[in-house]
Amino acid sequence: MMSEFNNRVAAQRDILRVVNRQKWREELFGLASGAIDRWRNANQLDEGAELLILVRRAADKLFFLANKSQEQITEEYRMLSGEISNLIEQIRLAAMDHGARA
């Protein structure tokens, strides 16, 4: 289903755009675990940092959606899509908070 794929890609772009609005030593280049770990290390973020936790949670949900077969894309998909939208807003707030402290 192309629209679900487009929605996942758009959500990933939104997350990267929101996070990278702040000044970082190194931007977040993707939502794969290796990219997130690299970003965390480069910017010396604490493992318990709210922004890091939210980014990882959103990445996990997007990965889960990406691996659903078309038969499984139902109410659960819509529910997870809503959760991802909420996470993007939480990431936006956490990024702004981080930027205000930096």
PDB file of N, CA and C in Angstrom:
ATOM      1  N   MET A   1       0.849  -1.183   0.000  1.00  0.00           N
ATOM      2  CA  MET A   1       0.000   0.000   0.000  1.00  0.00           C
ATOM      3  C   MET A   1       0.887   1.236   0.000  1.00  0.00           C
ATOM      4  N   MET A   2       0.880   1.926  -1.104  1.00  0.00           N
ATOM      5  CA  MET A   2       1.794   3.048  -1.287  1.00  0.00           C
ATOM      6  C   MET A   2       1.550   4.194  -0.308  1.00  0.00           C
ATOM      7  N   SER A   3       0.298   4.485   0.029  1.00  0.00           N
ATOM      8  CA  SER A   3       0.049   5.608   0.927  1.00  0.00           C
ATOM      9  C   SER A   3       0.638   5.355   2.311  1.00  0.00           C
ATOM     10  N   GLU A   4       0.584   4.095   2.794  1.00  0.00           N
ATOM     11  CA  GLU A   4       1.189   3.786   4.085  1.00  0.00           C
ATOM     12  C   GLU A   4       2.703   3.967   4.019  1.00  0.00           C
ATOM     13  N   PHE A   5       3.306   3.544   2.900  1.00  0.00           N
ATOM     14  CA  PHE A   5       4.744   3.744   2.715  1.00  0.00           C
ATOM     15  C   PHE A   5       5.062   5.232   2.719  1.00  0.00           C
ATOM     16  N   ASN A   6       4.296   6.013   1.980  1.00  0.00           N
ATOM     17  CA  ASN A   6       4.519   7.458   1.936  1.00  0.00           C
ATOM     18  C   ASN A   6       4.355   8.083   3.310  1.00  0.00           C
ATOM     19  N   ASN A   7       3.385   7.599   4.079  1.00  0.00           N
ATOM     20  CA  ASN A   7       3.185   8.123   5.423  1.00  0.00           C
ATOM     21  C   ASN A   7       4.371   7.807   6.321  1.00  0.00           C
ATOM     22  N   ARG A   8       4.926   6.599   6.190  1.00  0.00           N
ATOM     23  CA  ARG A   8       6.101   6.241   6.998  1.00  0.00           C
ATOM     24  C   ARG A   8       7.291   7.118   6.627  1.00  0.00           C
ATOM     25  N   VAL A   9       7.506   7.298   5.334  1.00  0.00           N
ATOM     26  CA  VAL A   9       8.630   8.129   4.880  1.00  0.00           C
ATOM     27  C   VAL A   9       8.437   9.569   5.347  1.00  0.00           C
ATOM     28  N   ALA A  10       7.220  10.073   5.231  1.00  0.00           N
ATOM     29  CA  ALA A  10       6.936  11.441   5.681  1.00  0.00           C
ATOM     30  C   ALA A  10       7.165  11.572   7.184  1.00  0.00           C
ATOM     31  N   ALA A  11       6.770  10.573   7.946  1.00  0.00           N
ATOM     32  CA  ALA A  11       6.980  10.613   9.402  1.00  0.00           C
ATOM     33  C   ALA A  11       8.475  10.618   9.725  1.00  0.00           C
ATOM     34  N   GLN A  12       9.248   9.799   9.020  1.00  0.00           N
ATOM     35  CA  GLN A  12      10.699   9.788   9.238  1.00  0.00           C
ATOM     36  C   GLN A  12      11.304  11.149   8.924  1.00  0.00           C
ATOM     37  N   ARG A  13      10.903  11.726   7.809  1.00  0.00           N
ATOM     38  CA  ARG A  13      11.412  13.052   7.443  1.00  0.00           C
ATOM     39  C   ARG A  13      11.032  14.095   8.486  1.00  0.00           C
ATOM     40  N   ASP A  14       9.792  14.023   8.977  1.00  0.00           N
ATOM     41  CA  ASP A  14       9.347  14.972  10.006  1.00  0.00           C
ATOM     42  C   ASP A  14      10.219  14.867  11.251  1.00  0.00           C
ATOM     43  N   ILE A  15      10.479  13.643  11.675  1.00  0.00           N
ATOM     44  CA  ILE A  15      11.302  13.452  12.872  1.00  0.00           C
ATOM     45  C   ILE A  15      12.700  14.018  12.661  1.00  0.00           C
ATOM     46  N   LEU A  16      13.312  13.707  11.532  1.00  0.00           N
ATOM     47  CA  LEU A  16      14.666  14.213  11.255  1.00  0.00           C
ATOM     48  C   LEU A  16      14.671  15.736  11.189  1.00  0.00           C
ATOM     49  N   ARG A  17      13.670  16.306  10.544  1.00  0.00           N
ATOM     50  CA  ARG A  17      13.583  17.770  10.418  1.00  0.00           C
ATOM     51  C   ARG A  17      13.431  18.427  11.790  1.00  0.00           C
ATOM     52  N   VAL A  18      12.562  17.860  12.629  1.00  0.00           N
ATOM     53  CA  VAL A  18      12.325  18.417  13.962  1.00  0.00           C
ATOM     54  C   VAL A  18      13.596  18.345  14.805  1.00  0.00           C
ATOM     55  N   VAL A  19      14.242  17.189  14.815  1.00  0.00           N
ATOM     56  CA  VAL A  19      15.459  17.012  15.622  1.00  0.00           C
ATOM     57  C   VAL A  19      16.570  17.932  15.116  1.00  0.00           C
ATOM     58  N   ASN A  20      16.724  18.010  13.807  1.00  0.00           N
ATOM     59  CA  ASN A  20      17.860  18.739  13.246  1.00  0.00           C
ATOM     60  C   ASN A  20      17.653  20.253  13.171  1.00  0.00           C
ATOM     61  N   ARG A  21      16.506  20.730  13.616  1.00  0.00           N
ATOM     62  CA  ARG A  21      16.321  22.189  13.729  1.00  0.00           C
ATOM     63  C   ARG A  21      17.243  22.768  14.789  1.00  0.00           C
ATOM     64  N   GLN A  22      17.575  21.930  15.765  1.00  0.00           N
ATOM     65  CA  GLN A  22      18.480  22.369  16.827  1.00  0.00           C
ATOM     66  C   GLN A  22      19.917  22.279  16.334  1.00  0.00           C
ATOM     67  N   LYS A  23      20.782  23.005  16.976  1.00  0.00           N
ATOM     68  CA  LYS A  23      22.205  22.956  16.633  1.00  0.00           C
ATOM     69  C   LYS A  23      22.836  21.750  17.328  1.00  0.00           C
ATOM     70  N   TRP A  24      23.422  20.884  16.532  1.00  0.00           N
ATOM     71  CA  TRP A  24      24.089  19.695  17.030  1.00  0.00           C
ATOM     72  C   TRP A  24      25.505  19.646  16.471  1.00  0.00           C
ATOM     73  N   ARG A  25      26.401  18.971  17.157  1.00  0.00           N
ATOM     74  CA  ARG A  25      27.725  18.727  16.588  1.00  0.00           C
ATOM     75  C   ARG A  25      27.569  17.921  15.314  1.00  0.00           C
ATOM     76  N   GLU A  26      26.644  16.957  15.357  1.00  0.00           N
ATOM     77  CA  GLU A  26      26.351  16.134  14.194  1.00  0.00           C
ATOM     78  C   GLU A  26      24.846  15.912  14.139  1.00  0.00           C
ATOM     79  N   GLU A  27      24.275  16.111  12.961  1.00  0.00           N
ATOM     80  CA  GLU A  27      22.843  15.926  12.802  1.00  0.00           C
ATOM     81  C   GLU A  27      22.475  14.445  12.862  1.00  0.00           C
ATOM     82  N   LEU A  28      21.200  14.203  13.082  1.00  0.00           N
ATOM     83  CA  LEU A  28      20.654  12.854  13.012  1.00  0.00           C
ATOM     84  C   LEU A  28      20.385  12.559  11.542  1.00  0.00           C
ATOM     85  N   PHE A  29      21.048  11.531  11.007  1.00  0.00           N
ATOM     86  CA  PHE A  29      20.973  11.247   9.566  1.00  0.00           C
ATOM     87  C   PHE A  29      19.946  10.179   9.200  1.00  0.00           C
ATOM     88  N   GLY A  30      19.439   9.458  10.177  1.00  0.00           N
ATOM     89  CA  GLY A  30      18.463   8.416   9.893  1.00  0.00           C
ATOM     90  C   GLY A  30      17.912   7.850  11.180  1.00  0.00           C
ATOM     91  N   LEU A  31      16.965   6.929  11.046  1.00  0.00           N
ATOM     92  CA  LEU A  31      16.332   6.358  12.227  1.00  0.00           C
ATOM     93  C   LEU A  31      16.714   4.896  12.457  1.00  0.00           C
ATOM     94  N   ALA A  32      17.729   4.422  11.746  1.00  0.00           N
ATOM     95  CA  ALA A  32      18.272   3.095  12.045  1.00  0.00           C
ATOM     96  C   ALA A  32      19.008   3.181  13.382  1.00  0.00           C
ATOM     97  N   SER A  33      19.069   2.079  14.092  1.00  0.00           N
ATOM     98  CA  SER A  33      19.691   2.117  15.426  1.00  0.00           C
ATOM     99  C   SER A  33      21.132   2.613  15.366  1.00  0.00           C
ATOM    100  N   GLY A  34      21.875   2.230  14.328  1.00  0.00           N
ATOM    101  CA  GLY A  34      23.255   2.696  14.198  1.00  0.00           C
ATOM    102  C   GLY A  34      23.345   4.202  14.014  1.00  0.00           C
ATOM    103  N   ALA A  35      22.434   4.762  13.238  1.00  0.00           N
ATOM    104  CA  ALA A  35      22.424   6.219  13.013  1.00  0.00           C
ATOM    105  C   ALA A  35      22.063   6.952  14.303  1.00  0.00           C
ATOM    106  N   ILE A  36      21.117   6.410  15.040  1.00  0.00           N
ATOM    107  CA  ILE A  36      20.724   7.034  16.314  1.00  0.00           C
ATOM    108  C   ILE A  36      21.879   6.951  17.311  1.00  0.00           C
ATOM    109  N   ASP A  37      22.547   5.790  17.392  1.00  0.00           N
ATOM    110  CA  ASP A  37      23.691   5.643  18.298  1.00  0.00           C
ATOM    111  C   ASP A  37      24.813   6.612  17.930  1.00  0.00           C
ATOM    112  N   ARG A  38      25.078   6.744  16.639  1.00  0.00           N
ATOM    113  CA  ARG A  38      26.126   7.670  16.192  1.00  0.00           C
ATOM    114  C   ARG A  38      25.784   9.102  16.607  1.00  0.00           C
ATOM    115  N   TRP A  39      24.524   9.510  16.391  1.00  0.00           N
ATOM    116  CA  TRP A  39      24.059  10.852  16.757  1.00  0.00           C
ATOM    117  C   TRP A  39      24.187  11.063  18.264  1.00  0.00           C
ATOM    118  N   ARG A  40      23.772  10.057  19.042  1.00  0.00           N
ATOM    119  CA  ARG A  40      23.870  10.154  20.503  1.00  0.00           C
ATOM    120  C   ARG A  40      25.316  10.330  20.937  1.00  0.00           C
ATOM    121  N   ASN A  41      26.204   9.504  20.387  1.00  0.00           N
ATOM    122  CA  ASN A  41      27.622   9.586  20.752  1.00  0.00           C
ATOM    123  C   ASN A  41      28.243  10.908  20.323  1.00  0.00           C
ATOM    124  N   ALA A  42      27.971  11.333  19.097  1.00  0.00           N
ATOM    125  CA  ALA A  42      28.566  12.570  18.582  1.00  0.00           C
ATOM    126  C   ALA A  42      28.132  13.788  19.393  1.00  0.00           C
ATOM    127  N   ASN A  43      26.919  13.729  19.918  1.00  0.00           N
ATOM    128  CA  ASN A  43      26.378  14.875  20.655  1.00  0.00           C
ATOM    129  C   ASN A  43      26.381  14.672  22.156  1.00  0.00           C
ATOM    130  N   GLN A  44      27.018  13.593  22.596  1.00  0.00           N
ATOM    131  CA  GLN A  44      27.182  13.278  24.010  1.00  0.00           C
ATOM    132  C   GLN A  44      25.860  13.344  24.775  1.00  0.00           C
ATOM    133  N   LEU A  45      24.823  12.739  24.183  1.00  0.00           N
ATOM    134  CA  LEU A  45      23.528  12.687  24.858  1.00  0.00           C
ATOM    135  C   LEU A  45      23.528  11.555  25.865  1.00  0.00           C
ATOM    136  N   ASP A  46      22.975  11.804  27.013  1.00  0.00           N
ATOM    137  CA  ASP A  46      22.821  10.792  28.037  1.00  0.00           C
ATOM    138  C   ASP A  46      21.817   9.748  27.569  1.00  0.00           C
ATOM    139  N   GLU A  47      22.046   8.478  27.886  1.00  0.00           N
ATOM    140  CA  GLU A  47      21.125   7.395  27.501  1.00  0.00           C
ATOM    141  C   GLU A  47      19.713   7.672  27.975  1.00  0.00           C
ATOM    142  N   GLY A  48      19.570   8.392  29.072  1.00  0.00           N
ATOM    143  CA  GLY A  48      18.249   8.667  29.630  1.00  0.00           C
ATOM    144  C   GLY A  48      17.617   9.956  29.127  1.00  0.00           C
ATOM    145  N   ALA A  49      18.263  10.618  28.164  1.00  0.00           N
ATOM    146  CA  ALA A  49      17.728  11.884  27.653  1.00  0.00           C
ATOM    147  C   ALA A  49      16.358  11.657  27.015  1.00  0.00           C
ATOM    148  N   GLU A  50      15.394  12.481  27.389  1.00  0.00           N
ATOM    149  CA  GLU A  50      14.023  12.333  26.889  1.00  0.00           C
ATOM    150  C   GLU A  50      13.978  12.314  25.366  1.00  0.00           C
ATOM    151  N   LEU A  51      14.712  13.217  24.738  1.00  0.00           N
ATOM    152  CA  LEU A  51      14.708  13.302  23.276  1.00  0.00           C
ATOM    153  C   LEU A  51      15.202  11.997  22.659  1.00  0.00           C
ATOM    154  N   LEU A  52      16.263  11.450  23.185  1.00  0.00           N
ATOM    155  CA  LEU A  52      16.811  10.190  22.678  1.00  0.00           C
ATOM    156  C   LEU A  52      15.802   9.052  22.838  1.00  0.00           C
ATOM    157  N   ILE A  53      15.180   8.972  23.985  1.00  0.00           N
ATOM    158  CA  ILE A  53      14.185   7.922  24.249  1.00  0.00           C
ATOM    159  C   ILE A  53      13.023   8.039  23.269  1.00  0.00           C
ATOM    160  N   LEU A  54      12.544   9.259  23.038  1.00  0.00           N
ATOM    161  CA  LEU A  54      11.421   9.472  22.126  1.00  0.00           C
ATOM    162  C   LEU A  54      11.791   9.125  20.686  1.00  0.00           C
ATOM    163  N   VAL A  55      12.995   9.514  20.268  1.00  0.00           N
ATOM    164  CA  VAL A  55      13.436   9.203  18.898  1.00  0.00           C
ATOM    165  C   VAL A  55      13.520   7.690  18.719  1.00  0.00           C
ATOM    166  N   ARG A  56      14.080   7.001  19.706  1.00  0.00           N
ATOM    167  CA  ARG A  56      14.175   5.539  19.607  1.00  0.00           C
ATOM    168  C   ARG A  56      12.793   4.890  19.589  1.00  0.00           C
ATOM    169  N   ARG A  57      11.877   5.389  20.395  1.00  0.00           N
ATOM    170  CA  ARG A  57      10.527   4.830  20.431  1.00  0.00           C
ATOM    171  C   ARG A  57       9.840   5.015  19.079  1.00  0.00           C
ATOM    172  N   ALA A  58       9.966   6.209  18.510  1.00  0.00           N
ATOM    173  CA  ALA A  58       9.363   6.472  17.195  1.00  0.00           C
ATOM    174  C   ALA A  58      10.000   5.588  16.125  1.00  0.00           C
ATOM    175  N   ALA A  59      11.320   5.443  16.167  1.00  0.00           N
ATOM    176  CA  ALA A  59      12.018   4.598  15.188  1.00  0.00           C
ATOM    177  C   ALA A  59      11.542   3.153  15.292  1.00  0.00           C
ATOM    178  N   ASP A  60      11.366   2.671  16.515  1.00  0.00           N
ATOM    179  CA  ASP A  60      10.892   1.289  16.717  1.00  0.00           C
ATOM    180  C   ASP A  60       9.499   1.101  16.130  1.00  0.00           C
ATOM    181  N   LYS A  61       8.620   2.059  16.356  1.00  0.00           N
ATOM    182  CA  LYS A  61       7.249   1.950  15.840  1.00  0.00           C
ATOM    183  C   LYS A  61       7.233   2.013  14.311  1.00  0.00           C
ATOM    184  N   LEU A  62       8.055   2.888  13.741  1.00  0.00           N
ATOM    185  CA  LEU A  62       8.128   2.972  12.279  1.00  0.00           C
ATOM    186  C   LEU A  62       8.694   1.682  11.691  1.00  0.00           C
ATOM    187  N   PHE A  63       9.691   1.110  12.342  1.00  0.00           N
ATOM    188  CA  PHE A  63      10.264  -0.151  11.881  1.00  0.00           C
ATOM    189  C   PHE A  63       9.215  -1.259  11.941  1.00  0.00           C
ATOM    190  N   PHE A  64       8.446  -1.275  13.026  1.00  0.00           N
ATOM    191  CA  PHE A  64       7.391  -2.265  13.181  1.00  0.00           C
ATOM    192  C   PHE A  64       6.374  -2.137  12.051  1.00  0.00           C
ATOM    193  N   LEU A  65       5.959  -0.905  11.744  1.00  0.00           N
ATOM    194  CA  LEU A  65       4.998  -0.686  10.661  1.00  0.00           C
ATOM    195  C   LEU A  65       5.578  -1.097   9.315  1.00  0.00           C
ATOM    196  N   ALA A  66       6.840  -0.838   9.103  1.00  0.00           N
ATOM    197  CA  ALA A  66       7.477  -1.159   7.824  1.00  0.00           C
ATOM    198  C   ALA A  66       7.498  -2.660   7.575  1.00  0.00           C
ATOM    199  N   ASN A  67       7.443  -3.434   8.631  1.00  0.00           N
ATOM    200  CA  ASN A  67       7.535  -4.881   8.487  1.00  0.00           C
ATOM    201  C   ASN A  67       6.190  -5.595   8.565  1.00  0.00           C
ATOM    202  N   LYS A  68       5.122  -4.833   8.541  1.00  0.00           N
ATOM    203  CA  LYS A  68       3.787  -5.423   8.512  1.00  0.00           C
ATOM    204  C   LYS A  68       3.433  -5.781   7.077  1.00  0.00           C
ATOM    205  N   SER A  69       2.820  -6.920   6.894  1.00  0.00           N
ATOM    206  CA  SER A  69       2.352  -7.261   5.547  1.00  0.00           C
ATOM    207  C   SER A  69       1.051  -6.516   5.284  1.00  0.00           C
ATOM    208  N   GLN A  70       0.645  -6.440   4.045  1.00  0.00           N
ATOM    209  CA  GLN A  70      -0.581  -5.718   3.690  1.00  0.00           C
ATOM    210  C   GLN A  70      -1.797  -6.284   4.411  1.00  0.00           C
ATOM    211  N   GLU A  71      -1.834  -7.578   4.634  1.00  0.00           N
ATOM    212  CA  GLU A  71      -2.973  -8.171   5.321  1.00  0.00           C
ATOM    213  C   GLU A  71      -3.067  -7.682   6.765  1.00  0.00           C
ATOM    214  N   GLN A  72      -1.943  -7.303   7.317  1.00  0.00           N
ATOM    215  CA  GLN A  72      -1.920  -6.895   8.716  1.00  0.00           C
ATOM    216  C   GLN A  72      -2.183  -5.404   8.900  1.00  0.00           C
ATOM    217  N   ILE A  73      -2.231  -4.645   7.829  1.00  0.00           N
ATOM    218  CA  ILE A  73      -2.431  -3.200   7.930  1.00  0.00           C
ATOM    219  C   ILE A  73      -3.920  -2.949   8.131  1.00  0.00           C
ATOM    220  N   THR A  74      -4.273  -2.768   9.372  1.00  0.00           N
ATOM    221  CA  THR A  74      -5.668  -2.613   9.741  1.00  0.00           C
ATOM    222  C   THR A  74      -5.776  -1.530  10.789  1.00  0.00           C
ATOM    223  N   GLU A  75      -6.666  -1.770  11.735  1.00  0.00           N
ATOM    224  CA  GLU A  75      -6.858  -0.832  12.846  1.00  0.00           C
ATOM    225  C   GLU A  75      -5.556  -0.650  13.627  1.00  0.00           C
ATOM    226  N   GLU A  76      -4.788  -1.723  13.774  1.00  0.00           N
ATOM    227  CA  GLU A  76      -3.510  -1.631  14.492  1.00  0.00           C
ATOM    228  C   GLU A  76      -2.579  -0.627  13.808  1.00  0.00           C
ATOM    229  N   TYR A  77      -2.563  -0.653  12.484  1.00  0.00           N
ATOM    230  CA  TYR A  77      -1.728   0.288  11.728  1.00  0.00           C
ATOM    231  C   TYR A  77      -2.178   1.718  12.000  1.00  0.00           C
ATOM    232  N   ARG A  78      -3.483   1.947  11.949  1.00  0.00           N
ATOM    233  CA  ARG A  78      -4.001   3.302  12.198  1.00  0.00           C
ATOM    234  C   ARG A  78      -3.680   3.756  13.613  1.00  0.00           C
ATOM    235  N   MET A  79      -3.791   2.834  14.563  1.00  0.00           N
ATOM    236  CA  MET A  79      -3.481   3.169  15.947  1.00  0.00           C
ATOM    237  C   MET A  79      -1.999   3.547  16.095  1.00  0.00           C
ATOM    238  N   LEU A  80      -1.117   2.733  15.507  1.00  0.00           N
ATOM    239  CA  LEU A  80       0.320   3.026  15.581  1.00  0.00           C
ATOM    240  C   LEU A  80       0.659   4.325  14.851  1.00  0.00           C
ATOM    241  N   SER A  81      -0.023   4.597  13.749  1.00  0.00           N
ATOM    242  CA  SER A  81       0.206   5.853  13.034  1.00  0.00           C
ATOM    243  C   SER A  81      -0.131   7.045  13.931  1.00  0.00           C
ATOM    244  N   GLY A  82      -1.226   6.915  14.679  1.00  0.00           N
ATOM    245  CA  GLY A  82      -1.595   7.972  15.629  1.00  0.00           C
ATOM    246  C   GLY A  82      -0.558   8.124  16.727  1.00  0.00           C
ATOM    247  N   GLU A  83      -0.045   6.998  17.214  1.00  0.00           N
ATOM    248  CA  GLU A  83       0.998   7.048  18.243  1.00  0.00           C
ATOM    249  C   GLU A  83       2.247   7.739  17.705  1.00  0.00           C
ATOM    250  N   ILE A  84       2.596   7.458  16.464  1.00  0.00           N
ATOM    251  CA  ILE A  84       3.778   8.089  15.866  1.00  0.00           C
ATOM    252  C   ILE A  84       3.566   9.598  15.736  1.00  0.00           C
ATOM    253  N   SER A  85       2.366  10.010  15.349  1.00  0.00           N
ATOM    254  CA  SER A  85       2.073  11.448  15.275  1.00  0.00           C
ATOM    255  C   SER A  85       2.241  12.101  16.637  1.00  0.00           C
ATOM    256  N   ASN A  86       1.765  11.432  17.684  1.00  0.00           N
ATOM    257  CA  ASN A  86       1.936  11.961  19.040  1.00  0.00           C
ATOM    258  C   ASN A  86       3.408  12.012  19.425  1.00  0.00           C
ATOM    259  N   LEU A  87       4.157  10.986  19.055  1.00  0.00           N
ATOM    260  CA  LEU A  87       5.589  10.972  19.357  1.00  0.00           C
ATOM    261  C   LEU A  87       6.318  12.103  18.643  1.00  0.00           C
ATOM    262  N   ILE A  88       5.935  12.391  17.405  1.00  0.00           N
ATOM    263  CA  ILE A  88       6.575  13.496  16.677  1.00  0.00           C
ATOM    264  C   ILE A  88       6.363  14.805  17.429  1.00  0.00           C
ATOM    265  N   GLU A  89       5.163  15.009  17.946  1.00  0.00           N
ATOM    266  CA  GLU A  89       4.906  16.234  18.723  1.00  0.00           C
ATOM    267  C   GLU A  89       5.727  16.243  20.006  1.00  0.00           C
ATOM    268  N   GLN A  90       5.834  15.105  20.685  1.00  0.00           N
ATOM    269  CA  GLN A  90       6.663  15.031  21.893  1.00  0.00           C
ATOM    270  C   GLN A  90       8.130  15.281  21.555  1.00  0.00           C
ATOM    271  N   ILE A  91       8.591  14.762  20.430  1.00  0.00           N
ATOM    272  CA  ILE A  91       9.969  14.989  19.991  1.00  0.00           C
ATOM    273  C   ILE A  91      10.181  16.478  19.722  1.00  0.00           C
ATOM    274  N   ARG A  92       9.204  17.107  19.082  1.00  0.00           N
ATOM    275  CA  ARG A  92       9.291  18.544  18.806  1.00  0.00           C
ATOM    276  C   ARG A  92       9.485  19.323  20.117  1.00  0.00           C
ATOM    277  N   LEU A  93       8.673  19.007  21.130  1.00  0.00           N
ATOM    278  CA  LEU A  93       8.769  19.697  22.416  1.00  0.00           C
ATOM    279  C   LEU A  93      10.099  19.396  23.118  1.00  0.00           C
ATOM    280  N   ALA A  94      10.524  18.137  23.095  1.00  0.00           N
ATOM    281  CA  ALA A  94      11.787  17.761  23.744  1.00  0.00           C
ATOM    282  C   ALA A  94      12.978  18.401  23.031  1.00  0.00           C
ATOM    283  N   ALA A  95      12.927  18.497  21.708  1.00  0.00           N
ATOM    284  CA  ALA A  95      14.014  19.129  20.949  1.00  0.00           C
ATOM    285  C   ALA A  95      14.080  20.619  21.276  1.00  0.00           C
ATOM    286  N   MET A  96      12.909  21.255  21.369  1.00  0.00           N
ATOM    287  CA  MET A  96      12.894  22.685  21.711  1.00  0.00           C
ATOM    288  C   MET A  96      13.443  22.885  23.113  1.00  0.00           C
ATOM    289  N   ASP A  97      13.070  22.004  24.031  1.00  0.00           N
ATOM    290  CA  ASP A  97      13.576  22.086  25.403  1.00  0.00           C
ATOM    291  C   ASP A  97      15.080  21.899  25.428  1.00  0.00           C
ATOM    292  N   HIS A  98      15.581  20.919  24.659  1.00  0.00           N
ATOM    293  CA  HIS A  98      17.021  20.685  24.589  1.00  0.00           C
ATOM    294  C   HIS A  98      17.737  21.915  24.021  1.00  0.00           C
ATOM    295  N   GLY A  99      17.173  22.484  22.957  1.00  0.00           N
ATOM    296  CA  GLY A  99      17.772  23.668  22.341  1.00  0.00           C
ATOM    297  C   GLY A  99      17.811  24.851  23.292  1.00  0.00           C
ATOM    298  N   ALA A 100      16.801  24.990  24.131  1.00  0.00           N
ATOM    299  CA  ALA A 100      16.751  26.094  25.086  1.00  0.00           C
ATOM    300  C   ALA A 100      17.821  25.942  26.164  1.00  0.00           C
ATOM    301  N   ARG A 101      18.200  24.688  26.455  1.00  0.00           N
ATOM    302  CA  ARG A 101      19.214  24.436  27.475  1.00  0.00           C
ATOM    303  C   ARG A 101      20.624  24.444  26.911  1.00  0.00           C
ATOM    304  N   ALA A 102      20.753  24.281  25.604  1.00  0.00           N
ATOM    305  CA  ALA A 102      22.086  24.174  24.990  1.00  0.00           C
ATOM    306  C   ALA A 102      22.783  25.505  24.926  1.00  0.00           C
TER     307      ALA A 102
END
